[in-house]
């Protein structure tokens, strides 16, 4: 059953990819949401940690909201993803193999993420308009996810959690750049959607592989 669900999830993810730059529509919403919702179902059937299931379900909700592409759904989507990242943080720190002391074994990564957060907040604050509050609140949450994943040992399947977290951060970094920092006619808009989606879905699959 889990193999079938994986192929459905992958099929939805691949089906969404050519639509990622298209205008909002029902098919986009269904494919985008189902590709992560199926991963949540896999986590359940595999007996994965319940916080993993919660995180995936919240992110699938965020996908459904962001796919509608209005300011109201964008704000709600940010809230859903922020809650999803908090669930991931709880997952990382509550894992039996987790140790907070491991975080400080990688000070270069920690400080790089802190500096990245400061730079992005500085760049986004004057450009986010009415979305400034939610955007600035989201930055430390997702970077907190990237820092707390370092509490997991780099052994077995858990070694996939860190690259998954970095891929997630990269997808959000590109999304924020696309939405707030690039001009409407910037040529990068033709490429960014096709970078964001593989990084994002790959990150979610990486978490499932690591924990379920």
N, C-alpha and C. Protein backbone atom coordinates (compact mmCIF):
# COMPACT_ATOMS: atom_id res chain seq x y z
N UNK A 1 0.83 -1.21 0.00
CA UNK A 1 0.00 0.00 0.00
C UNK A 1 0.86 1.27 0.00
N UNK A 2 1.92 1.26 0.85
CA UNK A 2 2.76 2.47 0.90
C UNK A 2 3.47 2.70 -0.43
N UNK A 3 3.84 1.62 -1.12
CA UNK A 3 4.48 1.78 -2.43
C UNK A 3 3.52 2.43 -3.42
N UNK A 4 2.27 1.99 -3.40
CA UNK A 4 1.26 2.58 -4.29
C UNK A 4 1.07 4.06 -3.96
N UNK A 5 0.97 4.37 -2.67
CA UNK A 5 0.79 5.77 -2.26
C UNK A 5 1.99 6.62 -2.67
N UNK A 6 3.19 6.05 -2.59
CA UNK A 6 4.37 6.80 -3.03
C UNK A 6 4.26 7.15 -4.50
N UNK A 7 3.88 6.17 -5.33
CA UNK A 7 3.78 6.44 -6.76
C UNK A 7 2.68 7.45 -7.07
N UNK A 8 1.60 7.41 -6.28
CA UNK A 8 0.54 8.42 -6.45
C UNK A 8 1.08 9.80 -6.09
N UNK A 9 1.79 9.86 -4.94
CA UNK A 9 2.36 11.14 -4.51
C UNK A 9 3.35 11.67 -5.53
N UNK A 10 4.22 10.80 -6.03
CA UNK A 10 5.20 11.22 -7.03
C UNK A 10 4.51 11.64 -8.32
N UNK A 11 3.48 10.89 -8.71
CA UNK A 11 2.73 11.25 -9.91
C UNK A 11 2.08 12.62 -9.80
N UNK A 12 1.50 12.88 -8.63
CA UNK A 12 0.89 14.21 -8.40
C UNK A 12 1.95 15.31 -8.43
N UNK A 13 3.11 15.03 -7.80
CA UNK A 13 4.19 16.02 -7.78
C UNK A 13 4.70 16.32 -9.19
N UNK A 14 4.89 15.27 -9.99
CA UNK A 14 5.34 15.46 -11.36
C UNK A 14 4.26 16.12 -12.22
N UNK A 15 3.00 15.78 -11.93
CA UNK A 15 1.90 16.40 -12.67
C UNK A 15 1.76 17.88 -12.35
N UNK A 16 2.12 18.24 -11.12
CA UNK A 16 2.02 19.65 -10.73
C UNK A 16 3.15 20.49 -11.35
N UNK A 17 4.32 19.89 -11.55
CA UNK A 17 5.49 20.65 -11.98
C UNK A 17 5.24 21.51 -13.22
N UNK A 18 4.65 20.99 -14.29
CA UNK A 18 4.42 21.86 -15.45
C UNK A 18 3.34 22.91 -15.22
N UNK A 19 2.57 22.75 -14.14
CA UNK A 19 1.51 23.71 -13.84
C UNK A 19 1.94 24.78 -12.85
N UNK A 20 3.15 24.62 -12.30
CA UNK A 20 3.55 25.48 -11.18
C UNK A 20 3.58 26.96 -11.53
N UNK A 21 3.85 27.28 -12.80
CA UNK A 21 3.88 28.68 -13.21
C UNK A 21 2.57 29.14 -13.84
N UNK A 22 1.58 28.25 -13.86
CA UNK A 22 0.28 28.59 -14.46
C UNK A 22 -0.59 29.35 -13.46
N UNK A 23 -1.64 30.03 -13.94
CA UNK A 23 -2.58 30.70 -13.03
C UNK A 23 -3.27 29.71 -12.10
N UNK A 24 -3.78 30.21 -10.98
CA UNK A 24 -4.46 29.36 -10.00
C UNK A 24 -5.63 28.63 -10.65
N UNK A 25 -5.82 27.38 -10.25
CA UNK A 25 -6.92 26.58 -10.77
C UNK A 25 -7.12 25.34 -9.92
N UNK A 26 -8.24 24.69 -10.10
CA UNK A 26 -8.60 23.53 -9.27
C UNK A 26 -7.60 22.39 -9.43
N UNK A 27 -7.17 22.11 -10.68
CA UNK A 27 -6.24 21.01 -10.91
C UNK A 27 -4.92 21.27 -10.20
N UNK A 28 -4.42 22.51 -10.29
CA UNK A 28 -3.19 22.87 -9.58
C UNK A 28 -3.33 22.60 -8.09
N UNK A 29 -4.43 23.02 -7.53
CA UNK A 29 -4.65 22.87 -6.08
C UNK A 29 -4.68 21.40 -5.69
N UNK A 30 -5.41 20.60 -6.46
CA UNK A 30 -5.56 19.18 -6.13
C UNK A 30 -4.21 18.47 -6.21
N UNK A 31 -3.48 18.68 -7.30
CA UNK A 31 -2.20 17.99 -7.47
C UNK A 31 -1.18 18.41 -6.42
N UNK A 32 -1.12 19.72 -6.16
CA UNK A 32 -0.15 20.22 -5.20
C UNK A 32 -0.43 19.69 -3.80
N UNK A 33 -1.69 19.73 -3.40
CA UNK A 33 -2.08 19.29 -2.06
C UNK A 33 -1.93 17.78 -1.92
N UNK A 34 -2.38 17.03 -2.91
CA UNK A 34 -2.35 15.57 -2.83
C UNK A 34 -0.93 15.04 -2.77
N UNK A 35 0.01 15.72 -3.42
CA UNK A 35 1.38 15.21 -3.46
C UNK A 35 2.01 15.15 -2.07
N UNK A 36 1.59 16.04 -1.18
CA UNK A 36 2.11 16.03 0.20
C UNK A 36 1.16 15.28 1.13
N UNK A 37 -0.14 15.37 0.87
CA UNK A 37 -1.11 14.63 1.69
C UNK A 37 -0.85 13.13 1.59
N UNK A 38 -0.46 12.65 0.41
CA UNK A 38 -0.14 11.23 0.25
C UNK A 38 1.09 10.85 1.07
N UNK A 39 2.04 11.77 1.20
CA UNK A 39 3.21 11.50 2.05
C UNK A 39 2.80 11.37 3.51
N UNK A 40 1.82 12.19 3.93
CA UNK A 40 1.31 12.08 5.30
C UNK A 40 0.66 10.71 5.50
N UNK A 41 -0.07 10.25 4.49
CA UNK A 41 -0.71 8.93 4.59
C UNK A 41 0.34 7.83 4.68
N UNK A 42 1.43 7.98 3.93
CA UNK A 42 2.52 7.01 4.00
C UNK A 42 3.11 6.99 5.40
N UNK A 43 3.32 8.17 5.98
CA UNK A 43 3.89 8.25 7.33
C UNK A 43 2.99 7.54 8.33
N UNK A 44 1.69 7.67 8.17
CA UNK A 44 0.75 7.00 9.07
C UNK A 44 0.87 5.49 8.93
N UNK A 45 0.83 5.01 7.68
CA UNK A 45 0.87 3.57 7.44
C UNK A 45 2.21 2.95 7.84
N UNK A 46 3.27 3.73 7.77
CA UNK A 46 4.59 3.24 8.15
C UNK A 46 4.83 3.32 9.66
N UNK A 47 3.85 3.86 10.39
CA UNK A 47 4.01 4.00 11.83
C UNK A 47 5.00 5.08 12.21
N UNK A 48 5.10 6.13 11.38
CA UNK A 48 6.02 7.22 11.66
C UNK A 48 5.57 8.04 12.85
N UNK A 49 6.44 8.87 13.39
CA UNK A 49 6.09 9.72 14.53
C UNK A 49 4.88 10.59 14.22
N UNK A 50 4.01 10.78 15.20
CA UNK A 50 2.80 11.54 14.93
C UNK A 50 3.10 12.99 14.60
N UNK A 51 4.22 13.53 15.12
CA UNK A 51 4.56 14.91 14.78
C UNK A 51 4.95 15.03 13.32
N UNK A 52 5.49 13.98 12.73
CA UNK A 52 5.76 13.99 11.29
C UNK A 52 4.47 14.08 10.50
N UNK A 53 3.48 13.31 10.92
CA UNK A 53 2.17 13.34 10.25
C UNK A 53 1.55 14.72 10.39
N UNK A 54 1.62 15.30 11.58
CA UNK A 54 1.06 16.64 11.81
C UNK A 54 1.75 17.66 10.91
N UNK A 55 3.09 17.60 10.85
CA UNK A 55 3.84 18.55 10.04
C UNK A 55 3.46 18.45 8.57
N UNK A 56 3.37 17.23 8.06
CA UNK A 56 3.00 17.03 6.66
C UNK A 56 1.58 17.50 6.38
N UNK A 57 0.66 17.21 7.31
CA UNK A 57 -0.73 17.64 7.13
C UNK A 57 -0.83 19.16 7.11
N UNK A 58 -0.08 19.82 7.99
CA UNK A 58 -0.10 21.29 8.01
C UNK A 58 0.49 21.86 6.73
N UNK A 59 1.56 21.25 6.23
CA UNK A 59 2.17 21.73 4.99
C UNK A 59 1.25 21.48 3.79
N UNK A 60 0.53 20.35 3.79
CA UNK A 60 -0.43 20.10 2.72
C UNK A 60 -1.53 21.15 2.73
N UNK A 61 -1.95 21.53 3.95
CA UNK A 61 -2.94 22.62 4.07
C UNK A 61 -2.37 23.92 3.53
N UNK A 62 -1.11 24.20 3.87
CA UNK A 62 -0.45 25.39 3.33
C UNK A 62 -0.36 25.37 1.82
N UNK A 63 -0.10 24.20 1.25
CA UNK A 63 -0.06 24.08 -0.21
C UNK A 63 -1.40 24.43 -0.84
N UNK A 64 -2.48 23.92 -0.23
CA UNK A 64 -3.81 24.20 -0.76
C UNK A 64 -4.09 25.70 -0.74
N UNK A 65 -3.68 26.35 0.34
CA UNK A 65 -3.93 27.79 0.48
C UNK A 65 -3.07 28.61 -0.48
N UNK A 66 -1.77 28.30 -0.53
CA UNK A 66 -0.88 29.08 -1.39
C UNK A 66 -1.20 28.90 -2.87
N UNK A 67 -1.78 27.77 -3.23
CA UNK A 67 -2.09 27.52 -4.64
C UNK A 67 -3.16 28.46 -5.17
N UNK A 68 -3.90 29.12 -4.26
CA UNK A 68 -4.97 30.03 -4.71
C UNK A 68 -4.43 31.42 -5.05
N UNK A 69 -3.23 31.76 -4.55
CA UNK A 69 -2.50 32.96 -4.97
C UNK A 69 -3.25 34.28 -4.73
N UNK A 70 -3.86 34.44 -3.56
CA UNK A 70 -4.37 35.74 -3.14
C UNK A 70 -3.62 36.14 -1.88
N UNK A 71 -3.68 37.42 -1.52
CA UNK A 71 -2.98 37.86 -0.31
C UNK A 71 -3.54 37.17 0.94
N UNK A 72 -4.87 36.99 0.97
CA UNK A 72 -5.49 36.36 2.14
C UNK A 72 -5.04 34.91 2.28
N UNK A 73 -5.05 34.17 1.17
CA UNK A 73 -4.64 32.76 1.24
C UNK A 73 -3.12 32.66 1.43
N UNK A 74 -2.37 33.66 0.96
CA UNK A 74 -0.93 33.65 1.18
C UNK A 74 -0.63 33.77 2.67
N UNK A 75 -1.32 34.68 3.36
CA UNK A 75 -1.12 34.85 4.79
C UNK A 75 -1.52 33.60 5.55
N UNK A 76 -2.66 33.02 5.17
CA UNK A 76 -3.10 31.78 5.82
C UNK A 76 -2.13 30.64 5.53
N UNK A 77 -1.61 30.61 4.31
CA UNK A 77 -0.65 29.58 3.95
C UNK A 77 0.64 29.71 4.74
N UNK A 78 1.11 30.95 4.93
CA UNK A 78 2.30 31.17 5.76
C UNK A 78 2.06 30.65 7.18
N UNK A 79 0.86 30.93 7.71
CA UNK A 79 0.54 30.46 9.06
C UNK A 79 0.57 28.94 9.13
N UNK A 80 0.02 28.27 8.11
CA UNK A 80 0.01 26.81 8.09
C UNK A 80 1.42 26.26 8.00
N UNK A 81 2.25 26.86 7.16
CA UNK A 81 3.63 26.38 7.04
C UNK A 81 4.43 26.68 8.30
N UNK A 82 4.19 27.84 8.92
CA UNK A 82 4.88 28.14 10.17
C UNK A 82 4.54 27.09 11.22
N UNK A 83 3.26 26.72 11.30
CA UNK A 83 2.85 25.68 12.24
C UNK A 83 3.50 24.34 11.87
N UNK A 84 3.61 24.07 10.56
CA UNK A 84 4.28 22.86 10.11
C UNK A 84 5.74 22.82 10.52
N UNK A 85 6.43 23.96 10.40
CA UNK A 85 7.83 24.02 10.81
C UNK A 85 7.98 23.83 12.32
N UNK A 86 7.05 24.40 13.08
CA UNK A 86 7.09 24.19 14.53
C UNK A 86 6.90 22.71 14.87
N UNK A 87 6.05 22.04 14.09
CA UNK A 87 5.86 20.60 14.29
C UNK A 87 7.14 19.84 13.94
N UNK A 88 7.83 20.27 12.89
CA UNK A 88 9.10 19.64 12.55
C UNK A 88 10.14 19.87 13.66
N UNK A 89 10.17 21.09 14.19
CA UNK A 89 11.09 21.38 15.29
C UNK A 89 10.82 20.45 16.47
N UNK A 90 9.53 20.29 16.81
CA UNK A 90 9.16 19.38 17.90
C UNK A 90 9.56 17.95 17.56
N UNK A 91 9.41 17.55 16.30
CA UNK A 91 9.80 16.21 15.87
C UNK A 91 11.29 15.99 16.07
N UNK A 92 12.10 16.96 15.63
CA UNK A 92 13.55 16.82 15.73
C UNK A 92 14.00 16.72 17.19
N UNK A 93 13.47 17.61 18.02
CA UNK A 93 13.93 17.69 19.40
C UNK A 93 13.40 16.57 20.29
N UNK A 94 12.28 15.96 19.88
CA UNK A 94 11.69 14.90 20.69
C UNK A 94 12.12 13.50 20.25
N UNK A 95 12.87 13.41 19.15
CA UNK A 95 13.32 12.10 18.68
C UNK A 95 14.23 11.45 19.72
N UNK A 96 14.10 10.15 19.94
CA UNK A 96 14.93 9.48 20.96
C UNK A 96 16.43 9.66 20.77
N UNK A 97 16.87 9.81 19.52
CA UNK A 97 18.30 9.96 19.25
C UNK A 97 18.76 11.42 19.28
N UNK A 98 17.82 12.34 19.49
CA UNK A 98 18.14 13.76 19.44
C UNK A 98 18.95 14.21 20.65
N UNK A 99 19.88 15.12 20.43
CA UNK A 99 20.66 15.73 21.50
C UNK A 99 20.95 17.18 21.14
N UNK A 100 20.46 18.11 21.94
CA UNK A 100 20.64 19.53 21.64
C UNK A 100 22.11 19.91 21.56
N UNK A 101 22.96 19.19 22.27
CA UNK A 101 24.39 19.51 22.26
C UNK A 101 25.00 19.32 20.88
N UNK A 102 24.39 18.46 20.05
CA UNK A 102 24.92 18.24 18.70
C UNK A 102 24.82 19.50 17.84
N UNK A 103 23.87 20.37 18.17
CA UNK A 103 23.69 21.59 17.38
C UNK A 103 24.98 22.41 17.37
N UNK A 104 25.65 22.44 18.51
CA UNK A 104 26.84 23.29 18.62
C UNK A 104 28.10 22.61 18.09
N UNK A 105 27.92 21.41 17.56
CA UNK A 105 29.03 20.78 16.85
C UNK A 105 29.16 21.32 15.43
N UNK A 106 28.19 22.12 15.01
CA UNK A 106 28.22 22.70 13.66
C UNK A 106 27.98 24.21 13.75
N UNK A 107 28.87 24.95 14.44
CA UNK A 107 28.65 26.39 14.61
C UNK A 107 28.62 27.16 13.30
N UNK A 108 29.37 26.71 12.30
CA UNK A 108 29.38 27.43 11.02
C UNK A 108 28.00 27.40 10.37
N UNK A 109 27.31 26.27 10.45
CA UNK A 109 25.97 26.15 9.88
C UNK A 109 24.99 27.02 10.66
N UNK A 110 25.09 26.95 11.99
CA UNK A 110 24.18 27.74 12.84
C UNK A 110 24.31 29.22 12.53
N UNK A 111 25.54 29.71 12.53
CA UNK A 111 25.74 31.14 12.31
C UNK A 111 25.43 31.55 10.87
N UNK A 112 25.66 30.66 9.94
CA UNK A 112 25.29 30.96 8.54
C UNK A 112 23.79 31.15 8.41
N UNK A 113 23.01 30.29 9.10
CA UNK A 113 21.55 30.42 9.05
C UNK A 113 21.09 31.68 9.76
N UNK A 114 21.74 32.03 10.88
CA UNK A 114 21.39 33.26 11.59
C UNK A 114 21.65 34.47 10.70
N UNK A 115 22.81 34.51 10.07
CA UNK A 115 23.15 35.63 9.18
C UNK A 115 22.20 35.68 7.99
N UNK A 116 21.87 34.51 7.44
CA UNK A 116 20.91 34.46 6.33
C UNK A 116 19.57 35.06 6.76
N UNK A 117 19.13 34.73 7.97
CA UNK A 117 17.86 35.27 8.46
C UNK A 117 17.90 36.78 8.59
N UNK A 118 19.02 37.32 9.08
CA UNK A 118 19.15 38.77 9.23
C UNK A 118 19.14 39.46 7.87
N UNK A 119 19.87 38.88 6.92
CA UNK A 119 19.93 39.46 5.57
C UNK A 119 18.55 39.45 4.92
N UNK A 120 17.85 38.30 5.00
CA UNK A 120 16.54 38.21 4.37
C UNK A 120 15.54 39.14 5.03
N UNK A 121 15.57 39.25 6.34
CA UNK A 121 14.66 40.16 7.03
C UNK A 121 14.92 41.60 6.61
N UNK A 122 16.19 41.95 6.47
CA UNK A 122 16.56 43.31 6.06
C UNK A 122 16.08 43.61 4.65
N UNK A 123 16.19 42.63 3.76
CA UNK A 123 15.78 42.83 2.37
C UNK A 123 14.26 42.82 2.21
N UNK A 124 13.59 41.94 2.96
CA UNK A 124 12.15 41.76 2.77
C UNK A 124 11.31 42.81 3.48
N UNK A 125 11.78 43.29 4.61
CA UNK A 125 10.98 44.21 5.43
C UNK A 125 10.43 45.40 4.64
N UNK A 126 11.26 46.09 3.85
CA UNK A 126 10.72 47.25 3.13
C UNK A 126 9.92 46.90 1.88
N UNK A 127 9.88 45.63 1.52
CA UNK A 127 9.24 45.24 0.25
C UNK A 127 8.02 44.36 0.42
N UNK A 128 7.75 43.90 1.63
CA UNK A 128 6.66 42.94 1.84
C UNK A 128 5.30 43.61 2.02
N UNK A 129 5.26 44.92 2.17
CA UNK A 129 3.99 45.63 2.28
C UNK A 129 3.14 45.15 3.45
N UNK A 130 1.86 44.86 3.17
CA UNK A 130 0.94 44.41 4.22
C UNK A 130 1.30 43.03 4.76
N UNK A 131 2.14 42.31 4.04
CA UNK A 131 2.55 40.96 4.46
C UNK A 131 3.81 40.99 5.32
N UNK A 132 4.29 42.17 5.65
CA UNK A 132 5.55 42.32 6.37
C UNK A 132 5.56 41.53 7.68
N UNK A 133 4.51 41.67 8.48
CA UNK A 133 4.46 40.99 9.77
C UNK A 133 4.57 39.48 9.66
N UNK A 134 3.67 38.84 8.88
CA UNK A 134 3.76 37.39 8.74
C UNK A 134 5.08 36.92 8.14
N UNK A 135 5.61 37.66 7.16
CA UNK A 135 6.85 37.25 6.51
C UNK A 135 8.01 37.30 7.51
N UNK A 136 8.11 38.39 8.28
CA UNK A 136 9.21 38.51 9.23
C UNK A 136 9.08 37.50 10.37
N UNK A 137 7.85 37.17 10.75
CA UNK A 137 7.66 36.17 11.81
C UNK A 137 8.02 34.78 11.32
N UNK A 138 7.85 34.54 10.03
CA UNK A 138 8.11 33.23 9.44
C UNK A 138 9.60 32.92 9.37
N UNK A 139 10.42 33.94 9.15
CA UNK A 139 11.85 33.73 8.93
C UNK A 139 12.52 32.99 10.09
N UNK A 140 12.39 33.46 11.35
CA UNK A 140 13.07 32.72 12.43
C UNK A 140 12.51 31.32 12.65
N UNK A 141 11.25 31.12 12.28
CA UNK A 141 10.66 29.79 12.48
C UNK A 141 11.28 28.78 11.52
N UNK A 142 11.36 29.13 10.23
CA UNK A 142 11.94 28.17 9.29
C UNK A 142 13.43 27.99 9.53
N UNK A 143 14.13 29.06 9.90
CA UNK A 143 15.55 28.91 10.20
C UNK A 143 15.76 28.14 11.49
N UNK A 144 14.81 28.28 12.42
CA UNK A 144 14.86 27.46 13.63
C UNK A 144 14.74 25.99 13.30
N UNK A 145 13.92 25.68 12.30
CA UNK A 145 13.81 24.30 11.84
C UNK A 145 15.16 23.82 11.30
N UNK A 146 15.84 24.69 10.54
CA UNK A 146 17.13 24.33 9.98
C UNK A 146 18.21 24.16 11.04
N UNK A 147 18.08 24.86 12.16
CA UNK A 147 19.07 24.75 13.23
C UNK A 147 18.79 23.52 14.10
N UNK A 148 17.52 23.31 14.46
CA UNK A 148 17.21 22.20 15.37
C UNK A 148 17.39 20.84 14.72
N UNK A 149 17.36 20.76 13.39
CA UNK A 149 17.59 19.47 12.74
C UNK A 149 19.02 18.98 13.02
N UNK A 150 19.91 19.91 13.38
CA UNK A 150 21.28 19.54 13.70
C UNK A 150 21.37 18.74 15.00
N UNK A 151 20.28 18.71 15.77
CA UNK A 151 20.27 17.92 17.00
C UNK A 151 20.19 16.43 16.73
N UNK A 152 19.92 16.07 15.48
CA UNK A 152 19.82 14.65 15.11
C UNK A 152 21.19 14.12 14.67
N UNK A 153 21.51 12.89 15.05
CA UNK A 153 22.79 12.31 14.60
C UNK A 153 22.76 12.02 13.11
N UNK A 154 23.91 12.13 12.49
CA UNK A 154 24.01 11.87 11.04
C UNK A 154 24.28 10.38 10.80
N UNK A 155 23.33 9.57 11.20
CA UNK A 155 23.46 8.12 11.06
C UNK A 155 22.17 7.54 10.48
N UNK A 156 22.30 6.41 9.77
CA UNK A 156 21.14 5.73 9.23
C UNK A 156 20.28 6.65 8.38
N UNK A 157 18.97 6.40 8.41
CA UNK A 157 18.04 7.21 7.63
C UNK A 157 17.99 8.65 8.11
N UNK A 158 18.33 8.89 9.38
CA UNK A 158 18.26 10.25 9.93
C UNK A 158 19.21 11.21 9.22
N UNK A 159 20.22 10.69 8.54
CA UNK A 159 21.15 11.58 7.85
C UNK A 159 20.46 12.35 6.72
N UNK A 160 19.27 11.88 6.29
CA UNK A 160 18.54 12.59 5.24
C UNK A 160 17.75 13.79 5.76
N UNK A 161 17.61 13.90 7.07
CA UNK A 161 16.82 15.00 7.62
C UNK A 161 17.48 16.35 7.38
N UNK A 162 18.81 16.43 7.53
CA UNK A 162 19.49 17.71 7.34
C UNK A 162 19.40 18.21 5.90
N UNK A 163 19.76 17.40 4.90
CA UNK A 163 19.60 17.92 3.52
C UNK A 163 18.15 18.24 3.18
N UNK A 164 17.20 17.51 3.78
CA UNK A 164 15.80 17.83 3.53
C UNK A 164 15.47 19.21 4.09
N UNK A 165 15.96 19.51 5.29
CA UNK A 165 15.70 20.81 5.90
C UNK A 165 16.33 21.94 5.08
N UNK A 166 17.55 21.72 4.60
CA UNK A 166 18.22 22.74 3.79
C UNK A 166 17.49 22.95 2.47
N UNK A 167 16.99 21.86 1.87
CA UNK A 167 16.22 21.99 0.63
C UNK A 167 14.94 22.79 0.88
N UNK A 168 14.30 22.56 2.03
CA UNK A 168 13.08 23.29 2.38
C UNK A 168 13.39 24.78 2.52
N UNK A 169 14.47 25.10 3.22
CA UNK A 169 14.87 26.50 3.39
C UNK A 169 15.18 27.13 2.03
N UNK A 170 15.88 26.40 1.18
CA UNK A 170 16.22 26.92 -0.15
C UNK A 170 14.97 27.22 -0.96
N UNK A 171 13.97 26.33 -0.89
CA UNK A 171 12.75 26.55 -1.65
C UNK A 171 12.03 27.80 -1.17
N UNK A 172 12.00 28.01 0.15
CA UNK A 172 11.34 29.20 0.69
C UNK A 172 12.14 30.47 0.38
N UNK A 173 13.45 30.35 0.37
CA UNK A 173 14.31 31.49 0.04
C UNK A 173 14.06 31.94 -1.40
N UNK A 174 13.98 30.98 -2.30
CA UNK A 174 13.72 31.31 -3.71
C UNK A 174 12.32 31.88 -3.86
N UNK A 175 11.34 31.30 -3.15
CA UNK A 175 9.96 31.79 -3.23
C UNK A 175 9.87 33.24 -2.75
N UNK A 176 10.52 33.55 -1.62
CA UNK A 176 10.49 34.91 -1.09
C UNK A 176 11.17 35.88 -2.06
N UNK A 177 12.28 35.45 -2.65
CA UNK A 177 12.98 36.30 -3.62
C UNK A 177 12.09 36.57 -4.82
N UNK A 178 11.43 35.52 -5.31
CA UNK A 178 10.55 35.65 -6.47
C UNK A 178 9.39 36.60 -6.19
N UNK A 179 8.78 36.43 -5.03
CA UNK A 179 7.55 37.18 -4.73
C UNK A 179 7.82 38.64 -4.36
N UNK A 180 8.91 38.88 -3.64
CA UNK A 180 9.10 40.21 -3.07
C UNK A 180 10.29 40.99 -3.62
N UNK A 181 11.30 40.32 -4.13
CA UNK A 181 12.52 41.02 -4.50
C UNK A 181 12.73 41.18 -6.00
N UNK A 182 12.15 40.30 -6.80
CA UNK A 182 12.32 40.42 -8.25
C UNK A 182 11.24 41.30 -8.85
N UNK A 183 11.62 42.08 -9.85
CA UNK A 183 10.63 42.88 -10.57
C UNK A 183 9.69 41.96 -11.34
N UNK A 184 8.51 42.46 -11.67
CA UNK A 184 7.48 41.64 -12.31
C UNK A 184 7.95 41.05 -13.64
N UNK A 185 8.81 41.75 -14.35
CA UNK A 185 9.25 41.29 -15.67
C UNK A 185 10.66 40.69 -15.65
N UNK A 186 11.16 40.36 -14.47
CA UNK A 186 12.51 39.80 -14.36
C UNK A 186 12.53 38.42 -15.04
N UNK A 187 13.55 38.15 -15.85
CA UNK A 187 13.59 36.87 -16.57
C UNK A 187 13.69 35.65 -15.65
N UNK A 188 14.12 35.83 -14.41
CA UNK A 188 14.24 34.69 -13.49
C UNK A 188 12.90 34.06 -13.16
N UNK A 189 11.81 34.81 -13.36
CA UNK A 189 10.47 34.27 -13.08
C UNK A 189 10.16 33.05 -13.95
N UNK A 190 10.84 32.94 -15.08
CA UNK A 190 10.61 31.79 -15.95
C UNK A 190 11.22 30.52 -15.39
N UNK A 191 12.18 30.67 -14.47
CA UNK A 191 12.92 29.53 -13.93
C UNK A 191 12.54 29.19 -12.50
N UNK A 192 12.30 30.21 -11.67
CA UNK A 192 12.16 29.99 -10.23
C UNK A 192 11.07 28.98 -9.85
N UNK A 193 9.89 28.97 -10.50
CA UNK A 193 8.88 27.99 -10.09
C UNK A 193 9.36 26.55 -10.23
N UNK A 194 10.22 26.32 -11.22
CA UNK A 194 10.69 24.97 -11.49
C UNK A 194 11.87 24.57 -10.59
N UNK A 195 12.38 25.53 -9.83
CA UNK A 195 13.37 25.24 -8.79
C UNK A 195 12.67 25.02 -7.45
N UNK A 196 11.68 25.85 -7.16
CA UNK A 196 11.01 25.81 -5.86
C UNK A 196 10.34 24.46 -5.62
N UNK A 197 9.57 24.00 -6.59
CA UNK A 197 8.76 22.81 -6.37
C UNK A 197 9.60 21.55 -6.15
N UNK A 198 10.60 21.22 -6.98
CA UNK A 198 11.40 20.01 -6.70
C UNK A 198 12.12 20.07 -5.36
N UNK A 199 12.63 21.25 -4.99
CA UNK A 199 13.29 21.39 -3.69
C UNK A 199 12.30 21.15 -2.56
N UNK A 200 11.12 21.75 -2.67
CA UNK A 200 10.13 21.63 -1.61
C UNK A 200 9.62 20.20 -1.47
N UNK A 201 9.18 19.60 -2.58
CA UNK A 201 8.62 18.26 -2.47
C UNK A 201 9.70 17.25 -2.10
N UNK A 202 10.89 17.45 -2.64
CA UNK A 202 12.01 16.59 -2.26
C UNK A 202 12.31 16.67 -0.78
N UNK A 203 12.17 17.87 -0.20
CA UNK A 203 12.38 18.03 1.23
C UNK A 203 11.35 17.24 2.03
N UNK A 204 10.09 17.34 1.62
CA UNK A 204 9.04 16.61 2.35
C UNK A 204 9.25 15.10 2.24
N UNK A 205 9.61 14.64 1.06
CA UNK A 205 9.89 13.21 0.90
C UNK A 205 11.10 12.81 1.74
N UNK A 206 12.11 13.68 1.80
CA UNK A 206 13.30 13.40 2.60
C UNK A 206 12.96 13.21 4.07
N UNK A 207 12.04 14.02 4.59
CA UNK A 207 11.63 13.87 5.99
C UNK A 207 10.91 12.54 6.21
N UNK A 208 10.06 12.17 5.25
CA UNK A 208 9.35 10.89 5.37
C UNK A 208 10.38 9.75 5.35
N UNK A 209 11.34 9.83 4.45
CA UNK A 209 12.35 8.78 4.34
C UNK A 209 13.17 8.70 5.63
N UNK A 210 13.46 9.86 6.22
CA UNK A 210 14.29 9.89 7.42
C UNK A 210 13.58 9.33 8.65
N UNK A 211 12.28 9.59 8.76
CA UNK A 211 11.59 9.28 10.02
C UNK A 211 10.57 8.14 9.92
N UNK A 212 10.15 7.79 8.70
CA UNK A 212 9.11 6.74 8.59
C UNK A 212 9.59 5.54 7.81
